[in-house]
Amino acid sequence: MRTTNDPASLPLRIQTVAAGASGGSSYSYRGATVQCPPGDHVCNFNMDGHPLSGGGTFGVAGTITPLIAYWLEHEALPPYRQPR
């Protein structure tokens, strides 16, 4: 069974464009599109059905992929992203 705590068990994100709509890299990851501005430090993502899709920035692409993976595996946000 895959777990989001084991990065080696997850598919890699694939860079689709070096300079996408936001001016930086664009990635495809498990059905989501991750868009980054130049420098790739403050990225956002779009994914049908994900409650955080298009809702702000989340840091580098590597901080977004666990949010996507957790959603696909549990249909919920990870505990650290749930409202208190």
N, C-alpha and C. Protein backbone atom coordinates (compact mmCIF):
# COMPACT_ATOMS: atom_id res chain seq x y z
N MET A 1 0.84 -1.19 0.00
CA MET A 1 0.00 0.00 0.00
C MET A 1 0.88 1.24 0.00
N ARG A 2 0.53 2.19 -0.84
CA ARG A 2 1.26 3.45 -0.88
C ARG A 2 0.90 4.31 0.30
N THR A 3 1.87 5.05 0.77
CA THR A 3 1.57 6.06 1.78
C THR A 3 2.20 7.36 1.33
N THR A 4 1.58 8.48 1.69
CA THR A 4 2.12 9.77 1.31
C THR A 4 3.38 10.08 2.09
N ASN A 5 3.71 9.29 3.11
CA ASN A 5 4.93 9.50 3.87
C ASN A 5 6.14 8.89 3.20
N ASP A 6 5.95 8.13 2.15
CA ASP A 6 7.04 7.47 1.47
C ASP A 6 7.17 8.06 0.06
N PRO A 7 7.98 9.13 -0.11
CA PRO A 7 8.08 9.78 -1.42
C PRO A 7 8.53 8.84 -2.53
N ALA A 8 9.30 7.83 -2.21
CA ALA A 8 9.77 6.90 -3.24
C ALA A 8 8.63 6.08 -3.84
N SER A 9 7.52 5.98 -3.12
CA SER A 9 6.41 5.18 -3.62
C SER A 9 5.45 5.98 -4.50
N LEU A 10 5.66 7.29 -4.60
CA LEU A 10 4.75 8.14 -5.37
C LEU A 10 5.27 8.38 -6.79
N PRO A 11 4.37 8.56 -7.75
CA PRO A 11 4.82 8.90 -9.10
C PRO A 11 5.53 10.25 -9.09
N LEU A 12 6.45 10.42 -10.00
CA LEU A 12 7.16 11.69 -10.09
C LEU A 12 6.30 12.73 -10.77
N ARG A 13 6.51 13.98 -10.41
CA ARG A 13 5.86 15.04 -11.16
C ARG A 13 6.67 15.24 -12.43
N ILE A 14 6.00 15.59 -13.50
CA ILE A 14 6.61 15.72 -14.80
C ILE A 14 6.55 17.18 -15.23
N GLN A 15 7.70 17.77 -15.50
CA GLN A 15 7.73 19.14 -15.98
C GLN A 15 7.18 19.15 -17.40
N THR A 16 6.13 19.93 -17.60
CA THR A 16 5.51 19.98 -18.92
C THR A 16 5.97 21.19 -19.72
N VAL A 17 6.31 22.28 -19.02
CA VAL A 17 6.76 23.50 -19.68
C VAL A 17 7.78 24.18 -18.78
N ALA A 18 8.87 24.69 -19.37
CA ALA A 18 9.89 25.40 -18.58
C ALA A 18 9.40 26.79 -18.20
N ALA A 19 8.59 27.42 -19.05
CA ALA A 19 8.04 28.74 -18.75
C ALA A 19 6.55 28.72 -19.09
N GLY A 20 5.74 28.38 -18.10
CA GLY A 20 4.30 28.26 -18.31
C GLY A 20 3.57 29.59 -18.17
N ALA A 21 2.26 29.51 -17.99
CA ALA A 21 1.40 30.70 -17.92
C ALA A 21 1.79 31.64 -16.79
N SER A 22 2.35 31.11 -15.72
CA SER A 22 2.76 31.95 -14.59
C SER A 22 4.18 32.46 -14.73
N GLY A 23 4.85 32.10 -15.80
CA GLY A 23 6.21 32.56 -16.04
C GLY A 23 7.29 31.60 -15.60
N GLY A 24 6.93 30.62 -14.79
CA GLY A 24 7.90 29.62 -14.33
C GLY A 24 7.50 28.24 -14.83
N SER A 25 8.01 27.25 -14.18
CA SER A 25 7.75 25.87 -14.60
C SER A 25 6.30 25.48 -14.40
N SER A 26 5.85 24.56 -15.22
CA SER A 26 4.53 23.96 -15.09
C SER A 26 4.74 22.45 -15.02
N TYR A 27 4.02 21.81 -14.10
CA TYR A 27 4.18 20.38 -13.88
C TYR A 27 2.84 19.67 -13.98
N SER A 28 2.88 18.41 -14.34
CA SER A 28 1.72 17.55 -14.30
C SER A 28 1.99 16.51 -13.21
N TYR A 29 1.02 16.31 -12.33
CA TYR A 29 1.19 15.33 -11.27
C TYR A 29 -0.15 14.70 -10.93
N ARG A 30 -0.32 13.44 -11.26
CA ARG A 30 -1.50 12.64 -10.93
C ARG A 30 -2.81 13.35 -11.26
N GLY A 31 -2.87 13.98 -12.42
CA GLY A 31 -4.09 14.64 -12.87
C GLY A 31 -4.18 16.11 -12.51
N ALA A 32 -3.23 16.62 -11.79
CA ALA A 32 -3.21 18.03 -11.42
C ALA A 32 -2.18 18.77 -12.25
N THR A 33 -2.40 20.07 -12.42
CA THR A 33 -1.42 20.94 -13.05
C THR A 33 -0.89 21.87 -11.98
N VAL A 34 0.43 21.88 -11.82
CA VAL A 34 1.10 22.75 -10.85
C VAL A 34 1.77 23.87 -11.64
N GLN A 35 1.42 25.12 -11.32
CA GLN A 35 1.96 26.29 -12.01
C GLN A 35 2.84 27.07 -11.04
N CYS A 36 4.02 27.47 -11.51
CA CYS A 36 4.95 28.23 -10.67
C CYS A 36 5.37 29.51 -11.38
N PRO A 37 5.60 30.59 -10.63
CA PRO A 37 6.15 31.80 -11.22
C PRO A 37 7.65 31.64 -11.41
N PRO A 38 8.32 32.60 -12.04
CA PRO A 38 9.77 32.51 -12.18
C PRO A 38 10.42 32.26 -10.81
N GLY A 39 11.37 31.36 -10.77
CA GLY A 39 12.02 30.98 -9.52
C GLY A 39 11.41 29.74 -8.90
N ASP A 40 10.18 29.41 -9.29
CA ASP A 40 9.50 28.19 -8.82
C ASP A 40 9.39 28.08 -7.30
N HIS A 41 9.23 29.20 -6.61
CA HIS A 41 9.19 29.16 -5.14
C HIS A 41 7.79 29.26 -4.54
N VAL A 42 6.83 29.82 -5.27
CA VAL A 42 5.50 30.03 -4.72
C VAL A 42 4.49 29.54 -5.76
N CYS A 43 4.20 28.25 -5.74
CA CYS A 43 3.38 27.62 -6.77
C CYS A 43 1.93 27.43 -6.32
N ASN A 44 1.06 27.24 -7.30
CA ASN A 44 -0.33 26.88 -7.02
C ASN A 44 -0.68 25.67 -7.89
N PHE A 45 -1.88 25.15 -7.73
CA PHE A 45 -2.26 24.00 -8.54
C PHE A 45 -3.74 24.03 -8.86
N ASN A 46 -4.10 23.29 -9.90
CA ASN A 46 -5.48 23.09 -10.31
C ASN A 46 -5.73 21.61 -10.48
N MET A 47 -6.82 21.15 -9.85
CA MET A 47 -7.20 19.75 -9.96
C MET A 47 -8.70 19.65 -9.71
N ASP A 48 -9.42 19.09 -10.66
CA ASP A 48 -10.86 18.95 -10.51
C ASP A 48 -11.20 18.22 -9.22
N GLY A 49 -12.09 18.82 -8.42
CA GLY A 49 -12.59 18.18 -7.21
C GLY A 49 -11.77 18.43 -5.96
N HIS A 50 -10.55 18.92 -6.09
CA HIS A 50 -9.71 19.15 -4.90
C HIS A 50 -10.12 20.47 -4.24
N PRO A 51 -10.40 20.48 -2.94
CA PRO A 51 -10.90 21.69 -2.28
C PRO A 51 -9.90 22.85 -2.23
N LEU A 52 -8.62 22.59 -2.40
CA LEU A 52 -7.63 23.67 -2.38
C LEU A 52 -7.20 24.12 -3.78
N SER A 53 -7.76 23.50 -4.79
CA SER A 53 -7.40 23.81 -6.17
C SER A 53 -7.67 25.27 -6.48
N GLY A 54 -6.66 25.95 -7.02
CA GLY A 54 -6.81 27.35 -7.41
C GLY A 54 -6.97 28.30 -6.25
N GLY A 55 -6.78 27.82 -5.03
CA GLY A 55 -7.07 28.63 -3.85
C GLY A 55 -5.87 29.25 -3.17
N GLY A 56 -4.86 29.64 -3.89
CA GLY A 56 -3.72 30.30 -3.27
C GLY A 56 -2.42 29.64 -3.64
N THR A 57 -1.38 30.00 -2.91
CA THR A 57 -0.07 29.47 -3.19
C THR A 57 0.40 28.59 -2.03
N PHE A 58 1.26 27.64 -2.36
CA PHE A 58 1.63 26.61 -1.40
C PHE A 58 3.12 26.37 -1.30
N GLY A 59 3.95 27.24 -1.80
CA GLY A 59 5.39 27.02 -1.78
C GLY A 59 5.85 26.29 -3.03
N VAL A 60 6.96 25.60 -2.94
CA VAL A 60 7.51 24.90 -4.10
C VAL A 60 6.62 23.72 -4.49
N ALA A 61 6.83 23.23 -5.71
CA ALA A 61 6.00 22.13 -6.23
C ALA A 61 6.03 20.92 -5.31
N GLY A 62 7.14 20.68 -4.66
CA GLY A 62 7.27 19.53 -3.77
C GLY A 62 6.39 19.60 -2.53
N THR A 63 5.91 20.79 -2.18
CA THR A 63 4.98 20.90 -1.05
C THR A 63 3.53 20.68 -1.49
N ILE A 64 3.29 20.77 -2.78
CA ILE A 64 1.94 20.58 -3.31
C ILE A 64 1.65 19.11 -3.59
N THR A 65 2.64 18.38 -4.07
CA THR A 65 2.39 16.99 -4.45
C THR A 65 1.85 16.13 -3.30
N PRO A 66 2.29 16.30 -2.05
CA PRO A 66 1.67 15.52 -0.98
C PRO A 66 0.19 15.86 -0.75
N LEU A 67 -0.19 17.13 -0.99
CA LEU A 67 -1.61 17.50 -0.86
C LEU A 67 -2.45 16.77 -1.91
N ILE A 68 -1.92 16.67 -3.10
CA ILE A 68 -2.62 15.98 -4.19
C ILE A 68 -2.70 14.49 -3.90
N ALA A 69 -1.57 13.90 -3.52
CA ALA A 69 -1.53 12.46 -3.25
C ALA A 69 -2.47 12.09 -2.11
N TYR A 70 -2.47 12.86 -1.04
CA TYR A 70 -3.33 12.56 0.11
C TYR A 70 -4.80 12.61 -0.32
N TRP A 71 -5.16 13.62 -1.10
CA TRP A 71 -6.53 13.75 -1.56
C TRP A 71 -6.95 12.54 -2.39
N LEU A 72 -6.09 12.12 -3.30
CA LEU A 72 -6.42 10.98 -4.15
C LEU A 72 -6.53 9.68 -3.36
N GLU A 73 -5.78 9.54 -2.31
CA GLU A 73 -5.79 8.31 -1.52
C GLU A 73 -6.87 8.29 -0.45
N HIS A 74 -7.25 9.47 0.07
CA HIS A 74 -8.18 9.51 1.22
C HIS A 74 -9.43 10.35 0.99
N GLU A 75 -9.50 11.07 -0.13
CA GLU A 75 -10.58 12.01 -0.39
C GLU A 75 -10.82 12.94 0.78
N ALA A 76 -9.74 13.40 1.35
CA ALA A 76 -9.77 14.33 2.48
C ALA A 76 -8.48 15.14 2.46
N LEU A 77 -8.50 16.25 3.16
CA LEU A 77 -7.26 17.01 3.34
C LEU A 77 -6.43 16.35 4.44
N PRO A 78 -5.11 16.47 4.36
CA PRO A 78 -4.29 15.93 5.44
C PRO A 78 -4.59 16.64 6.75
N PRO A 79 -4.39 16.01 7.87
CA PRO A 79 -4.74 16.61 9.15
C PRO A 79 -4.14 18.00 9.36
N TYR A 80 -2.94 18.24 8.89
CA TYR A 80 -2.31 19.55 9.09
C TYR A 80 -2.95 20.66 8.25
N ARG A 81 -3.82 20.34 7.27
CA ARG A 81 -4.49 21.34 6.45
C ARG A 81 -5.97 21.49 6.80
N GLN A 82 -6.46 20.74 7.76
CA GLN A 82 -7.88 20.83 8.12
C GLN A 82 -8.11 21.99 9.08
N PRO A 83 -9.29 22.61 8.98
CA PRO A 83 -9.61 23.70 9.89
C PRO A 83 -9.57 23.24 11.35
N ARG A 84 -9.18 24.13 12.20
CA ARG A 84 -9.13 23.80 13.64
C ARG A 84 -10.40 24.16 14.33
